[in-house]
Amino acid sequence: MNSLSVIIPFYNEEQFLETSINRLIKTEIADEIYLVDDCSTDGSSTIAKNFASEDETINYLRLDRNQGKGAALSSVNNLVNTSHIAIHDGDLEYDPFDLKEMFNHTFENPNSLILGSRFIGNKDRKNRYSRTFYANKFLSLFFSIVFQKKISDIATCYKILPTKVFKNFELKEKGFSIEIELLSRYLKTNNSIIEHPISYEGRTYEDGKKIKTSDGLFYLFNTIKYRLFQKFLFG
């Protein structure tokens, strides 16, 4: 029977974290939740610890220094006990009820990577700022051309994948380029990738959005790196 662990990496999300976790809990989809604190300096840590102390299915981990999203995901590699894992951000840009829809795909496609796409279908999308919108479209097109596999949204947070596959990945990327590494590694497994439309409500940098222009440049560099040197990087 399929089961799901949801990983929430966060850094200084005091304003949104409690609401984000409560919205996830309300879906009743998660068998386990891992709150991974990337060495926050605000009240986020206290919020996460309180959730973990009140619910035995919620686990709190703290990295010893700020390292990035990739490091946060790697930290739970050997802890997950469910058939699948999902990634959910600590802000409010994504709706966890979309994860519930995405998880339904795993029953007929247990070995597939399920991606939540902000660019397909007719889901509700708000505050899509032109700079990040067109940058994401370009980066996704570039990745699709380089890997000869159409992916509409390579930068999406929402992913569900089999735990057995995730545990075989020795992830190297520490920051947001983890999105490129995960996709590149998954394509090498020859398992299918299924995209599912999701809703989205973007936030501003004033509200705490963390991805930067430099991350986009790293996306381009790592797309080429993981395509040209797959054999050496992945074995």
Protein backbone atom coordinates (compact mmCIF):
# COMPACT_ATOMS: atom_id res chain seq x y z
CA MET A 1 0.00 0.00 0.00
CA ASN A 2 1.32 3.44 -0.91
CA SER A 3 2.19 5.85 1.87
CA LEU A 4 3.66 9.33 1.87
CA SER A 5 6.28 11.32 3.75
CA VAL A 6 6.30 15.06 3.13
CA ILE A 7 9.56 16.98 3.52
CA ILE A 8 9.34 20.68 4.32
CA PRO A 9 12.72 22.40 4.10
CA PHE A 10 12.59 25.93 5.50
CA TYR A 11 14.75 28.91 6.35
CA ASN A 12 13.42 31.96 8.20
CA GLU A 13 9.75 31.33 7.38
CA GLU A 14 8.31 32.62 10.67
CA GLN A 15 5.58 34.54 8.87
CA PHE A 16 4.18 31.61 6.89
CA LEU A 17 5.41 28.30 8.33
CA GLU A 18 2.60 27.62 10.81
CA THR A 19 -0.11 28.21 8.21
CA SER A 20 1.77 26.14 5.64
CA ILE A 21 2.05 23.15 7.98
CA ASN A 22 -1.58 23.41 9.08
CA ARG A 23 -2.73 23.48 5.47
CA LEU A 24 -0.73 20.31 4.81
CA ILE A 25 -2.11 18.56 7.91
CA LYS A 26 -5.65 19.42 6.81
CA THR A 27 -5.21 17.36 3.62
CA GLU A 28 -4.66 14.21 5.74
CA ILE A 29 -2.30 12.95 3.04
CA ALA A 30 0.96 12.71 5.01
CA ASP A 31 1.87 9.62 7.01
CA GLU A 32 5.06 11.37 8.10
CA ILE A 33 6.18 15.00 7.97
CA TYR A 34 9.82 16.07 8.18
CA LEU A 35 10.40 19.72 9.08
CA VAL A 36 13.99 20.45 8.08
CA ASP A 37 15.34 23.69 9.52
CA ASP A 38 18.18 25.14 7.44
CA CYS A 39 19.59 26.94 10.48
CA SER A 40 16.88 29.59 10.76
CA THR A 41 17.57 32.70 12.83
CA ASP A 42 13.97 33.83 13.38
CA GLY A 43 11.07 32.16 15.19
CA SER A 44 10.65 29.39 12.60
CA SER A 45 12.54 26.87 14.72
CA THR A 46 10.20 27.31 17.68
CA ILE A 47 7.14 26.91 15.47
CA ALA A 48 8.49 23.68 13.96
CA LYS A 49 9.54 22.27 17.33
CA ASN A 50 6.07 22.89 18.73
CA PHE A 51 4.47 20.91 15.91
CA ALA A 52 6.91 18.03 16.41
CA SER A 53 6.30 17.92 20.16
CA GLU A 54 2.53 17.68 19.69
CA ASP A 55 2.37 15.08 16.90
CA GLU A 56 4.49 11.93 16.74
CA THR A 57 4.17 11.77 12.95
CA ILE A 58 5.94 15.14 12.65
CA ASN A 59 9.73 15.17 12.92
CA TYR A 60 12.01 18.18 13.39
CA LEU A 61 15.59 18.28 12.13
CA ARG A 62 18.00 21.22 12.21
CA LEU A 63 21.10 21.58 10.04
CA ASP A 64 24.19 22.81 11.88
CA ARG A 65 24.66 25.66 9.37
CA ASN A 66 22.73 27.25 6.53
CA GLN A 67 23.42 25.11 3.45
CA GLY A 68 20.40 25.29 1.16
CA LYS A 69 17.42 23.28 -0.01
CA GLY A 70 19.46 20.39 -1.42
CA ALA A 71 21.23 19.81 1.87
CA ALA A 72 17.91 19.87 3.71
CA LEU A 73 16.47 17.17 1.44
CA SER A 74 19.58 15.00 1.74
CA SER A 75 19.37 15.10 5.53
CA VAL A 76 16.27 12.88 5.61
CA ASN A 77 17.48 10.32 3.07
CA ASN A 78 17.89 7.52 5.60
CA LEU A 79 14.93 8.43 7.82
CA VAL A 80 11.90 8.07 5.57
CA ASN A 81 9.75 4.96 6.17
CA THR A 82 7.04 5.37 3.53
CA SER A 83 6.70 4.20 -0.06
CA HIS A 84 6.89 7.74 -1.48
CA ILE A 85 8.18 11.18 -0.55
CA ALA A 86 6.88 14.62 -1.47
CA ILE A 87 8.48 18.04 -1.23
CA HIS A 88 6.47 20.98 0.12
CA ASP A 89 7.74 24.52 0.76
CA GLY A 90 7.33 26.35 4.05
CA ASP A 91 5.76 29.38 2.39
CA LEU A 92 2.24 29.69 0.96
CA GLU A 93 3.00 29.67 -2.77
CA TYR A 94 1.75 26.09 -3.21
CA ASP A 95 -1.53 24.44 -2.24
CA PRO A 96 -1.01 21.03 -0.55
CA PHE A 97 -4.39 19.83 -1.83
CA ASP A 98 -2.62 19.61 -5.19
CA LEU A 99 -0.26 17.09 -3.60
CA LYS A 100 -3.29 14.96 -2.83
CA GLU A 101 -4.23 14.92 -6.52
CA MET A 102 -0.63 14.21 -7.52
CA PHE A 103 -0.38 11.31 -5.07
CA ASN A 104 -3.29 9.58 -6.81
CA HIS A 105 -0.99 8.99 -9.80
CA THR A 106 1.27 6.78 -7.70
CA PHE A 107 -1.29 4.00 -7.38
CA GLU A 108 -1.14 3.22 -11.10
CA ASN A 109 2.40 4.53 -11.61
CA PRO A 110 4.31 3.59 -8.45
CA ASN A 111 7.76 4.08 -9.98
CA SER A 112 7.08 7.40 -11.68
CA LEU A 113 8.21 10.87 -10.68
CA ILE A 114 5.13 13.08 -10.36
CA LEU A 115 5.82 16.75 -11.04
CA GLY A 116 3.43 19.56 -10.19
CA SER A 117 3.44 21.99 -13.11
CA ARG A 118 2.49 25.66 -12.87
CA PHE A 119 2.35 25.95 -16.67
CA ILE A 120 -0.13 23.31 -17.81
CA GLY A 121 -3.87 22.96 -17.21
CA ASN A 122 -6.26 25.59 -15.89
CA LYS A 123 -5.48 25.76 -12.18
CA ASP A 124 -5.76 29.04 -10.30
CA ARG A 125 -2.50 31.01 -10.54
CA LYS A 126 -1.93 34.43 -8.98
CA ASN A 127 0.94 36.91 -8.70
CA ARG A 128 3.00 35.36 -11.47
CA TYR A 129 5.63 38.03 -11.94
CA SER A 130 6.85 38.43 -15.51
CA ARG A 131 10.55 38.15 -14.70
CA THR A 132 10.31 34.82 -12.90
CA PHE A 133 7.55 33.54 -15.20
CA TYR A 134 9.57 33.95 -18.39
CA ALA A 135 12.79 32.86 -16.73
CA ASN A 136 11.14 29.60 -15.63
CA LYS A 137 9.67 29.07 -19.11
CA PHE A 138 13.09 29.60 -20.71
CA LEU A 139 14.93 27.36 -18.25
CA SER A 140 12.35 24.60 -18.73
CA LEU A 141 12.64 24.86 -22.51
CA PHE A 142 16.43 24.78 -22.29
CA PHE A 143 16.36 21.68 -20.07
CA SER A 144 13.84 19.98 -22.38
CA ILE A 145 16.04 20.59 -25.43
CA VAL A 146 19.27 19.51 -23.75
CA PHE A 147 17.74 16.31 -22.30
CA GLN A 148 15.36 15.71 -25.23
CA LYS A 149 12.51 15.28 -22.77
CA LYS A 150 9.69 17.82 -22.53
CA ILE A 151 9.33 19.14 -18.99
CA SER A 152 7.10 22.20 -18.63
CA ASP A 153 8.25 23.32 -15.16
CA ILE A 154 11.71 22.27 -14.00
CA ALA A 155 11.77 24.71 -11.08
CA THR A 156 8.58 23.48 -9.41
CA CYS A 157 8.78 22.64 -5.74
CA TYR A 158 6.10 19.96 -5.94
CA LYS A 159 7.53 16.52 -6.60
CA ILE A 160 6.46 13.05 -5.50
CA LEU A 161 8.83 10.14 -6.06
CA PRO A 162 9.36 6.59 -4.82
CA THR A 163 11.41 6.45 -1.65
CA LYS A 164 13.44 3.49 -2.93
CA VAL A 165 14.61 5.61 -5.87
CA PHE A 166 15.28 8.69 -3.72
CA LYS A 167 17.41 6.66 -1.31
CA ASN A 168 19.61 5.50 -4.18
CA PHE A 169 20.47 9.08 -5.08
CA GLU A 170 23.66 10.44 -3.54
CA LEU A 171 22.60 14.05 -3.93
CA LYS A 172 25.38 16.58 -4.42
CA GLU A 173 23.65 19.92 -4.91
CA LYS A 174 23.13 21.98 -1.77
CA GLY A 175 21.03 24.86 -3.09
CA PHE A 176 18.13 25.32 -5.51
CA SER A 177 19.99 23.43 -8.26
CA ILE A 178 18.78 20.33 -6.46
CA GLU A 179 15.76 20.64 -8.80
CA ILE A 180 18.03 20.04 -11.81
CA GLU A 181 19.91 17.21 -10.14
CA LEU A 182 16.74 15.37 -9.12
CA LEU A 183 15.28 15.58 -12.62
CA SER A 184 18.56 14.58 -14.27
CA ARG A 185 19.02 11.60 -11.99
CA TYR A 186 15.43 10.50 -12.47
CA LEU A 187 15.70 10.59 -16.24
CA LYS A 188 18.68 8.25 -15.97
CA THR A 189 16.54 5.65 -14.15
CA ASN A 190 14.35 5.31 -17.28
CA ASN A 191 11.23 5.57 -15.13
CA SER A 192 8.47 7.82 -16.42
CA ILE A 193 7.85 11.43 -15.41
CA ILE A 194 4.22 12.53 -15.11
CA GLU A 195 3.27 16.21 -14.94
CA HIS A 196 0.14 17.28 -13.10
CA PRO A 197 -1.29 20.84 -13.15
CA ILE A 198 -1.12 22.71 -9.85
CA SER A 199 -2.21 26.10 -8.55
CA TYR A 200 0.25 28.78 -7.53
CA GLU A 201 0.34 32.11 -5.71
CA GLY A 202 3.72 33.79 -6.04
CA ARG A 203 5.21 35.96 -3.33
CA THR A 204 7.55 38.91 -3.56
CA TYR A 205 11.14 39.15 -2.36
CA GLU A 206 9.86 41.52 0.32
CA ASP A 207 7.71 38.63 1.57
CA GLY A 208 10.74 36.35 1.75
CA LYS A 209 11.13 34.78 -1.69
CA LYS A 210 14.68 33.41 -1.76
CA ILE A 211 15.53 32.24 -5.28
CA LYS A 212 17.82 34.71 -7.07
CA THR A 213 19.04 35.47 -10.60
CA SER A 214 22.25 33.61 -9.80
CA ASP A 215 20.20 30.46 -9.14
CA GLY A 216 18.88 30.68 -12.70
CA LEU A 217 22.45 30.82 -14.01
CA PHE A 218 23.31 27.77 -11.91
CA TYR A 219 20.26 26.03 -13.43
CA LEU A 220 21.71 26.58 -16.91
CA PHE A 221 25.19 25.47 -15.90
CA ASN A 222 23.97 22.37 -14.09
CA THR A 223 21.63 21.38 -16.90
CA ILE A 224 24.66 21.19 -19.19
CA LYS A 225 26.83 19.58 -16.51
CA TYR A 226 24.40 16.79 -15.68
CA ARG A 227 23.69 16.11 -19.35
CA LEU A 228 27.29 15.97 -20.56
CA PHE A 229 28.80 14.25 -17.55
CA GLN A 230 25.99 11.93 -16.42
CA LYS A 231 28.18 8.84 -16.61
CA PHE A 232 30.86 10.33 -14.36
CA LEU A 233 28.51 12.06 -11.93
CA PHE A 234 25.94 9.29 -11.49
CA GLY A 235 27.99 6.18 -12.23
